[in-house]
Amino acid sequence: MALNSRELLERARREIPEVDCLTLRETLEREPSHLVLDVREPEEVAQGLITGAVHIPRGYLELQVEGALPDRSRPVTIYCAAGVRSLLAAQTMRQMGYSDVRSLKGGFGSWKDLGYPYRVPRALSPEQRERYSRHFLLQEVGEEGQARLLDARVLLIGAGGLGAPVAYYLAAAGVGTIGLVDFDRVERSNLQRQIIHTEGRLGMLKTESAAVALRALNPEVRVVEHNVHLDSSNAKEIFSQYDLVVNGCDNFPTRYLANDMAVFLHKPLVDGGIFRFEGQATTMLPGESPCYRCRYPSPPPPEEAPSCAEAGVLGVLPGLVGLVQATEAVKLILGIGDLLTGRLLHVDALSMEFREFRLRKDPECPVCGEHPTITEPIDYEGFCLNPNYPAAVAV
């Protein structure tokens, strides 16, 4: 038998328990795992939402709720503006197999009138809503995640082969501040792989050329140019300005410096490397995962590790590795997914094989071990020339 809207709502009230705002607040204080689900439209959420609530517009509920709430037995309270749509949404979730669902009587309006805690999400412009609309459709990102991306500050060491794809995709994703450390100028030989530069910008500083490309792609991104040689004298000042670091350099002194400074300042570090047809990437969380020195206590002799300028590199390879690094950076900012912590992802472009190696934390590591002996920057040039170099001490 067909039901009109009034009859449909009456049936929902008979089937779905309703709770008042005080009961919900006490429940959240007593049971932090209790899920609160906001089913209002985005323009309503802009006025504020209950602290900790997950937002899924009513029109996307059936499509997205399983991703946000895979456990169908987890208690959940649904709310809308006044408590009508939430009843119907709860009824739908019951039909989908969710066993402990209730609706908030009076909705967000009552919650706000009572002075209970809520937060106002970052206001996005119409242009931003259009630009990042595909992110909004992902429950793991949404408007909250996009706001985190817009507020994030990422430092890229190198604006070359790896830095080019990383910077380009982070700018496209809406990372608000991108710092670039590089002191080289654009050369024609760079253009085979460093896609952020162009023939028309030959001779320009790489940081300046990269800034031109990133601002053309996304004018809202703030690009900070550090046109310097990164060393022990300036690394702390530069690193301190950012939330996380992505390393794309191709020399050992800078690689060890980046690792050590990330540990000293407790900054996440996404590391990558390329050589001929092979590349690798890993993510390091200071205090939690192995650092670069855990894998390589000392650098190999120069003759065993030629640079790309000496050994060559397949032009598309930096794109493969750089995109892995960019993905790790975005996941770090959003707090989603499984990071490459304690894992090294290796790619062989000739065979198109991806292999994963487990990494172990070295308790004897001089930087991140149980009893560190290096607690501030050292002479990295001297260390890489001779790991037993007596001057490998604080500078």
Protein backbone atom coordinates (compact mmCIF):
# COMPACT_ATOMS: atom_id res chain seq x y z
CA MET A 1 0.00 0.00 0.00
CA ALA A 2 1.34 3.41 -0.97
CA LEU A 3 2.05 5.82 1.89
CA ASN A 4 1.95 9.59 1.85
CA SER A 5 4.74 11.66 3.48
CA ARG A 6 2.88 12.00 6.79
CA GLU A 7 2.26 8.26 7.07
CA LEU A 8 5.85 7.51 6.12
CA LEU A 9 7.14 9.80 8.85
CA GLU A 10 4.75 8.33 11.43
CA ARG A 11 5.98 4.84 10.65
CA ALA A 12 9.59 5.97 10.98
CA ARG A 13 8.82 7.40 14.44
CA ARG A 14 7.32 4.06 15.50
CA GLU A 15 10.37 2.14 14.30
CA ILE A 16 13.28 4.47 15.13
CA PRO A 17 14.21 5.52 18.70
CA GLU A 18 14.64 9.25 19.23
CA VAL A 19 17.03 10.79 21.76
CA ASP A 20 17.20 14.36 23.02
CA CYS A 21 20.30 16.53 22.94
CA LEU A 22 21.17 16.05 26.61
CA THR A 23 21.06 12.27 26.24
CA LEU A 24 23.32 12.42 23.19
CA ARG A 25 25.81 14.68 24.95
CA GLU A 26 25.98 12.36 27.96
CA THR A 27 26.36 9.37 25.64
CA LEU A 28 29.29 10.98 23.82
CA GLU A 29 31.01 11.77 27.13
CA ARG A 30 30.50 8.20 28.31
CA GLU A 31 31.10 6.38 25.00
CA PRO A 32 33.68 8.17 22.79
CA SER A 33 33.26 5.49 20.10
CA HIS A 34 29.59 6.41 19.59
CA LEU A 35 29.24 7.71 16.02
CA VAL A 36 27.31 10.88 15.22
CA LEU A 37 26.20 11.19 11.59
CA ASP A 38 25.16 14.49 10.00
CA VAL A 39 22.89 14.03 6.96
CA ARG A 40 22.27 17.69 6.12
CA GLU A 41 23.24 19.34 2.85
CA PRO A 42 26.68 21.00 2.50
CA GLU A 43 25.25 24.52 2.65
CA GLU A 44 23.63 23.67 6.02
CA VAL A 45 26.83 22.17 7.40
CA ALA A 46 28.58 25.47 6.66
CA GLN A 47 26.66 26.88 9.65
CA GLY A 48 28.30 24.35 11.96
CA LEU A 49 28.18 20.68 12.91
CA ILE A 50 28.41 18.70 16.12
CA THR A 51 32.02 18.24 17.15
CA GLY A 52 33.29 14.86 15.92
CA ALA A 53 30.35 14.21 13.61
CA VAL A 54 30.76 12.50 10.25
CA HIS A 55 28.99 14.23 7.39
CA ILE A 56 27.20 12.35 4.60
CA PRO A 57 24.49 14.28 2.73
CA ARG A 58 21.16 12.45 2.78
CA GLY A 59 21.27 12.01 -0.98
CA TYR A 60 24.54 10.06 -0.76
CA LEU A 61 23.76 8.05 2.37
CA GLU A 62 23.17 4.69 0.72
CA LEU A 63 26.30 5.09 -1.42
CA GLN A 64 28.74 6.26 1.24
CA VAL A 65 27.64 5.04 4.66
CA GLU A 66 29.28 1.60 4.35
CA GLY A 67 32.65 3.26 3.80
CA ALA A 68 32.23 5.53 6.82
CA LEU A 69 30.64 2.87 9.03
CA PRO A 70 31.67 -0.68 8.03
CA ASP A 71 30.64 -2.08 11.43
CA ARG A 72 26.86 -2.41 11.24
CA SER A 73 26.61 -3.04 14.98
CA ARG A 74 28.29 0.21 16.03
CA PRO A 75 25.91 2.63 17.80
CA VAL A 76 25.11 5.70 15.72
CA THR A 77 22.95 8.77 16.23
CA ILE A 78 21.81 10.59 13.10
CA TYR A 79 20.82 14.23 12.99
CA CYS A 80 19.61 16.78 10.46
CA ALA A 81 18.37 20.36 10.93
CA ALA A 82 15.20 19.61 12.92
CA GLY A 83 14.93 15.83 13.27
CA VAL A 84 12.78 14.81 10.28
CA ARG A 85 15.26 13.74 7.61
CA SER A 86 17.32 11.97 10.25
CA LEU A 87 14.36 9.70 11.06
CA LEU A 88 14.04 8.69 7.43
CA ALA A 89 17.82 8.25 7.12
CA ALA A 90 17.85 6.03 10.22
CA GLN A 91 15.06 3.94 8.75
CA THR A 92 17.09 3.47 5.57
CA MET A 93 20.12 2.39 7.59
CA ARG A 94 17.97 -0.11 9.48
CA GLN A 95 16.98 -1.60 6.13
CA MET A 96 20.70 -1.82 5.25
CA GLY A 97 21.37 -3.91 8.34
CA TYR A 98 22.50 -1.32 10.90
CA SER A 99 21.15 -2.57 14.20
CA ASP A 100 21.78 0.29 16.67
CA VAL A 101 20.50 3.47 14.99
CA ARG A 102 18.66 6.41 16.53
CA SER A 103 17.62 9.93 15.54
CA LEU A 104 18.34 13.21 17.35
CA LYS A 105 15.12 14.94 18.33
CA GLY A 106 15.17 18.60 17.33
CA GLY A 107 18.32 18.13 15.23
CA PHE A 108 21.25 20.51 15.05
CA GLY A 109 18.98 23.48 15.72
CA SER A 110 18.20 22.25 19.24
CA TRP A 111 21.81 21.25 19.88
CA LYS A 112 23.04 24.72 18.94
CA ASP A 113 20.29 26.53 20.91
CA LEU A 114 21.32 24.63 24.05
CA GLY A 115 24.89 25.86 23.68
CA TYR A 116 26.37 22.40 23.26
CA PRO A 117 29.77 22.13 21.51
CA TYR A 118 29.90 22.39 17.76
CA ARG A 119 32.41 23.61 15.23
CA VAL A 120 32.13 25.71 12.11
CA PRO A 121 34.01 24.17 9.18
CA ARG A 122 36.26 26.25 7.00
CA ALA A 123 34.21 28.21 4.48
CA LEU A 124 35.02 27.27 0.90
CA SER A 125 34.42 29.58 -2.03
CA PRO A 126 32.23 28.55 -4.99
CA GLU A 127 35.42 28.24 -7.05
CA GLN A 128 36.96 25.90 -4.47
CA ARG A 129 33.82 23.80 -4.32
CA GLU A 130 33.98 23.39 -8.08
CA ARG A 131 37.73 22.71 -8.19
CA TYR A 132 37.73 20.08 -5.43
CA SER A 133 34.30 18.60 -6.07
CA ARG A 134 35.71 15.11 -6.71
CA HIS A 135 37.40 15.17 -3.31
CA PHE A 136 34.10 16.03 -1.65
CA LEU A 137 32.60 12.81 -3.02
CA LEU A 138 35.20 10.73 -1.16
CA GLN A 139 34.06 9.99 2.37
CA GLU A 140 37.71 9.74 3.45
CA VAL A 141 38.35 13.31 2.24
CA GLY A 142 35.19 15.40 2.05
CA GLU A 143 35.14 19.08 2.93
CA GLU A 144 36.96 18.52 6.22
CA GLY A 145 39.81 16.74 4.49
CA GLN A 146 40.01 19.40 1.82
CA ALA A 147 40.25 22.04 4.52
CA ARG A 148 43.18 20.14 6.02
CA LEU A 149 44.87 20.07 2.63
CA LEU A 150 44.33 23.80 2.19
CA ASP A 151 45.88 24.45 5.60
CA ALA A 152 48.82 22.08 5.09
CA ARG A 153 52.43 23.17 4.62
CA VAL A 154 54.71 20.78 2.72
CA LEU A 155 58.41 21.24 2.03
CA LEU A 156 59.90 19.69 -1.12
CA ILE A 157 63.64 19.17 -1.20
CA GLY A 158 64.48 19.50 -4.87
CA ALA A 159 62.47 20.94 -7.76
CA GLY A 160 63.81 18.41 -10.24
CA GLY A 161 62.82 14.92 -11.40
CA LEU A 162 60.97 13.82 -8.25
CA GLY A 163 60.05 17.27 -7.00
CA ALA A 164 58.30 18.13 -10.29
CA PRO A 165 55.47 15.53 -10.16
CA VAL A 166 55.18 15.80 -6.37
CA ALA A 167 54.78 19.57 -6.49
CA TYR A 168 52.38 19.48 -9.43
CA TYR A 169 50.00 16.97 -7.86
CA LEU A 170 50.13 18.51 -4.40
CA ALA A 171 49.22 21.87 -5.94
CA ALA A 172 46.39 20.24 -7.89
CA ALA A 173 45.12 18.57 -4.71
CA GLY A 174 44.97 21.94 -2.98
CA VAL A 175 47.88 21.77 -0.55
CA GLY A 176 47.89 25.35 0.67
CA THR A 177 51.60 26.02 1.10
CA ILE A 178 54.37 24.34 -0.88
CA GLY A 179 57.99 25.15 -0.08
CA LEU A 180 60.68 24.44 -2.67
CA VAL A 181 64.38 24.09 -1.80
CA ASP A 182 66.69 24.17 -4.81
CA PHE A 183 69.51 26.40 -6.01
CA ASP A 184 69.93 25.06 -9.59
CA ARG A 185 68.78 26.65 -12.81
CA VAL A 186 66.72 25.03 -15.53
CA GLU A 187 68.79 23.31 -18.22
CA ARG A 188 67.62 21.72 -21.45
CA SER A 189 68.75 18.27 -20.22
CA ASN A 190 66.25 18.59 -17.34
CA LEU A 191 63.24 18.71 -19.65
CA GLN A 192 63.38 14.98 -20.46
CA ARG A 193 61.94 14.25 -16.99
CA GLN A 194 61.39 17.45 -14.97
CA ILE A 195 57.90 18.16 -16.28
CA ILE A 196 57.34 21.29 -14.23
CA HIS A 197 59.86 23.25 -16.34
CA THR A 198 59.66 24.36 -19.99
CA GLU A 199 61.87 25.39 -22.90
CA GLY A 200 60.78 28.97 -22.38
CA ARG A 201 62.18 28.99 -18.83
CA LEU A 202 65.70 27.77 -19.58
CA GLY A 203 68.22 29.51 -17.34
CA MET A 204 65.57 30.45 -14.77
CA LEU A 205 65.98 29.37 -11.17
CA LYS A 206 64.22 26.05 -10.70
CA THR A 207 62.30 27.34 -7.71
CA GLU A 208 61.09 30.31 -9.75
CA SER A 209 60.19 28.15 -12.76
CA ALA A 210 58.31 25.71 -10.54
CA ALA A 211 56.42 28.56 -8.88
CA VAL A 212 55.27 29.81 -12.30
CA ALA A 213 53.91 26.35 -13.18
CA LEU A 214 52.21 25.75 -9.83
CA ARG A 215 50.51 29.14 -9.75
CA ALA A 216 49.28 28.64 -13.30
CA LEU A 217 47.74 25.33 -12.24
CA ASN A 218 46.27 26.54 -8.96
CA PRO A 219 46.51 30.28 -8.20
CA GLU A 220 45.45 29.74 -4.58
CA VAL A 221 48.54 27.74 -3.69
CA ARG A 222 51.19 29.68 -1.78
CA VAL A 223 54.60 28.79 -3.17
CA VAL A 224 57.62 29.60 -0.99
CA GLU A 225 60.95 29.65 -2.82
CA HIS A 226 64.06 28.68 -0.87
CA ASN A 227 66.71 29.32 -3.47
CA VAL A 228 69.55 28.04 -1.31
CA HIS A 229 71.83 25.06 -0.90
CA LEU A 230 70.31 23.10 1.98
CA ASP A 231 72.93 22.49 4.64
CA SER A 232 73.43 22.29 8.38
CA SER A 233 73.32 26.05 8.78
CA ASN A 234 69.82 26.61 7.35
CA ALA A 235 67.98 23.26 7.52
CA LYS A 236 66.43 23.80 10.96
CA GLU A 237 65.05 27.22 10.09
CA ILE A 238 63.55 25.94 6.82
CA PHE A 239 62.16 22.65 8.14
CA SER A 240 60.51 24.37 11.12
CA GLN A 241 58.13 26.22 8.80
CA TYR A 242 56.45 23.04 7.47
CA ASP A 243 54.28 20.15 8.63
CA LEU A 244 56.03 17.46 6.62
CA VAL A 245 58.95 17.04 4.23
CA VAL A 246 59.21 15.26 0.85
CA ASN A 247 62.77 14.45 -0.17
CA GLY A 248 63.63 14.26 -3.86
CA CYS A 249 67.34 15.09 -3.77
CA ASP A 250 69.94 12.88 -5.47
CA ASN A 251 73.00 13.31 -3.26
CA PHE A 252 73.93 11.63 0.00
CA PRO A 253 74.86 14.67 2.14
CA THR A 254 71.41 16.19 1.61
CA ARG A 255 69.70 12.83 2.10
CA TYR A 256 71.37 12.27 5.49
CA LEU A 257 70.76 15.89 6.48
CA ALA A 258 67.05 15.62 5.61
CA ASN A 259 66.73 12.40 7.58
CA ASP A 260 68.47 13.73 10.67
CA MET A 261 66.66 17.04 10.71
CA ALA A 262 63.28 15.29 10.33
CA VAL A 263 64.13 13.17 13.39
CA PHE A 264 65.38 16.15 15.40
CA LEU A 265 62.24 18.20 14.66
CA HIS A 266 59.79 15.26 14.66
CA LYS A 267 58.68 15.93 11.07
CA PRO A 268 57.29 13.15 8.86
CA LEU A 269 59.59 12.52 5.89
CA VAL A 270 58.57 10.96 2.56
CA ASP A 271 61.75 9.76 0.88
CA GLY A 272 62.26 8.75 -2.74
CA GLY A 273 65.07 7.82 -5.06
CA ILE A 274 65.59 6.92 -8.73
CA PHE A 275 68.43 5.28 -10.67
CA ARG A 276 68.38 4.28 -14.35
CA PHE A 277 65.20 2.15 -14.56
CA GLU A 278 64.56 1.63 -10.84
CA GLY A 279 63.06 3.69 -8.07
CA GLN A 280 62.03 3.42 -4.46
CA ALA A 281 59.96 5.24 -1.87
CA THR A 282 59.28 5.02 1.85
CA THR A 283 57.76 7.15 4.60
CA MET A 284 59.41 7.81 7.94
CA LEU A 285 57.60 8.89 11.10
CA PRO A 286 60.18 9.92 13.71
CA GLY A 287 59.95 7.83 16.85
CA GLU A 288 57.73 5.24 15.18
CA SER A 289 59.42 3.87 12.07
CA PRO A 290 62.98 3.19 10.86
CA CYS A 291 64.90 6.19 9.59
CA TYR A 292 67.27 6.38 6.64
CA ARG A 293 70.28 5.69 8.86
CA CYS A 294 68.66 2.47 10.10
CA ARG A 295 68.92 1.21 6.53
CA TYR A 296 72.18 2.86 5.57
CA PRO A 297 74.40 3.65 8.57
CA SER A 298 76.99 5.02 6.14
CA PRO A 299 76.90 5.99 2.46
CA PRO A 300 78.42 3.78 -0.25
CA PRO A 301 81.63 4.86 -1.98
CA PRO A 302 80.96 7.44 -4.73
CA GLU A 303 82.00 5.00 -7.46
CA GLU A 304 79.27 2.56 -6.34
CA ALA A 305 76.47 5.15 -6.42
CA PRO A 306 76.75 7.32 -9.53
CA SER A 307 74.26 10.14 -9.95
CA CYS A 308 71.60 10.33 -12.65
CA ALA A 309 73.88 12.73 -14.52
CA GLU A 310 76.49 9.97 -14.62
CA ALA A 311 74.35 6.83 -15.01
CA GLY A 312 71.23 8.18 -16.74
CA VAL A 313 67.57 7.77 -15.86
CA LEU A 314 64.44 6.82 -17.80
CA GLY A 315 62.47 10.02 -18.27
CA VAL A 316 59.13 8.67 -17.06
CA LEU A 317 60.53 6.96 -13.94
CA PRO A 318 60.47 10.07 -11.71
CA GLY A 319 56.76 10.34 -12.46
CA LEU A 320 56.12 6.85 -11.10
CA VAL A 321 58.06 7.39 -7.89
CA GLY A 322 57.04 11.03 -7.46
CA LEU A 323 53.35 10.12 -7.61
CA VAL A 324 53.88 7.54 -4.87
CA GLN A 325 55.51 10.26 -2.77
CA ALA A 326 52.71 12.72 -3.47
CA THR A 327 50.14 10.09 -2.51
CA GLU A 328 51.95 9.43 0.78
CA ALA A 329 52.05 13.16 1.52
CA VAL A 330 48.30 13.54 0.92
CA LYS A 331 47.55 10.50 3.11
CA LEU A 332 49.70 11.97 5.87
CA ILE A 333 47.81 15.26 5.74
CA LEU A 334 44.41 13.56 5.71
CA GLY A 335 45.32 10.89 8.26
CA ILE A 336 43.97 8.07 6.08
CA GLY A 337 45.18 4.77 4.67
CA ASP A 338 48.29 2.72 5.38
CA LEU A 339 51.55 4.59 4.99
CA LEU A 340 54.83 3.18 3.69
CA THR A 341 56.24 3.24 7.22
CA GLY A 342 58.56 0.34 7.90
CA ARG A 343 58.22 -0.59 4.24
CA LEU A 344 60.26 0.22 1.15
CA LEU A 345 58.39 0.15 -2.16
CA HIS A 346 60.72 -0.71 -5.05
CA VAL A 347 59.74 -0.36 -8.71
CA ASP A 348 61.54 -1.83 -11.71
CA ALA A 349 60.23 0.01 -14.76
CA LEU A 350 61.74 -2.46 -17.25
CA SER A 351 59.84 -5.44 -15.85
CA MET A 352 57.09 -3.22 -14.36
CA GLU A 353 57.39 -5.04 -11.06
CA PHE A 354 56.61 -3.51 -7.70
CA ARG A 355 58.19 -5.19 -4.71
CA GLU A 356 57.92 -4.38 -1.04
CA PHE A 357 60.68 -4.80 1.53
CA ARG A 358 60.18 -4.70 5.27
CA LEU A 359 62.43 -2.30 7.15
CA ARG A 360 63.54 -2.73 10.75
CA LYS A 361 64.31 -0.04 13.26
CA ASP A 362 67.93 -0.23 14.44
CA PRO A 363 68.15 0.18 18.23
CA GLU A 364 71.80 1.17 17.74
CA CYS A 365 70.98 3.90 15.18
CA PRO A 366 73.03 6.99 16.09
CA VAL A 367 70.07 9.30 15.33
CA CYS A 368 66.81 7.49 16.20
CA GLY A 369 68.14 4.59 18.30
CA GLU A 370 67.78 3.99 22.03
CA HIS A 371 70.93 5.95 22.84
CA PRO A 372 71.47 8.47 20.03
CA THR A 373 74.94 9.92 19.61
CA ILE A 374 73.97 12.46 16.93
CA THR A 375 71.48 14.97 18.26
CA GLU A 376 72.17 17.99 16.06
CA PRO A 377 73.39 18.59 12.49
CA ILE A 378 76.90 17.43 11.59
CA ASP A 379 79.33 18.06 8.73
CA TYR A 380 77.48 15.95 6.15
CA GLU A 381 79.90 16.56 3.31
CA GLY A 382 82.75 15.28 5.46
CA PHE A 383 80.67 12.35 6.71
CA CYS A 384 79.79 11.21 3.17
CA LEU A 385 83.41 11.44 2.05
CA ASN A 386 84.48 9.37 5.05
CA PRO A 387 81.95 7.97 7.54
CA ASN A 388 84.74 7.81 10.14
CA TYR A 389 85.58 11.45 9.46
CA PRO A 390 86.59 13.00 12.84
CA ALA A 391 84.72 16.21 12.00
CA ALA A 392 81.42 14.34 11.77
CA VAL A 393 80.27 16.21 14.83
CA ALA A 394 77.94 19.08 15.50
CA VAL A 395 78.62 22.17 13.40
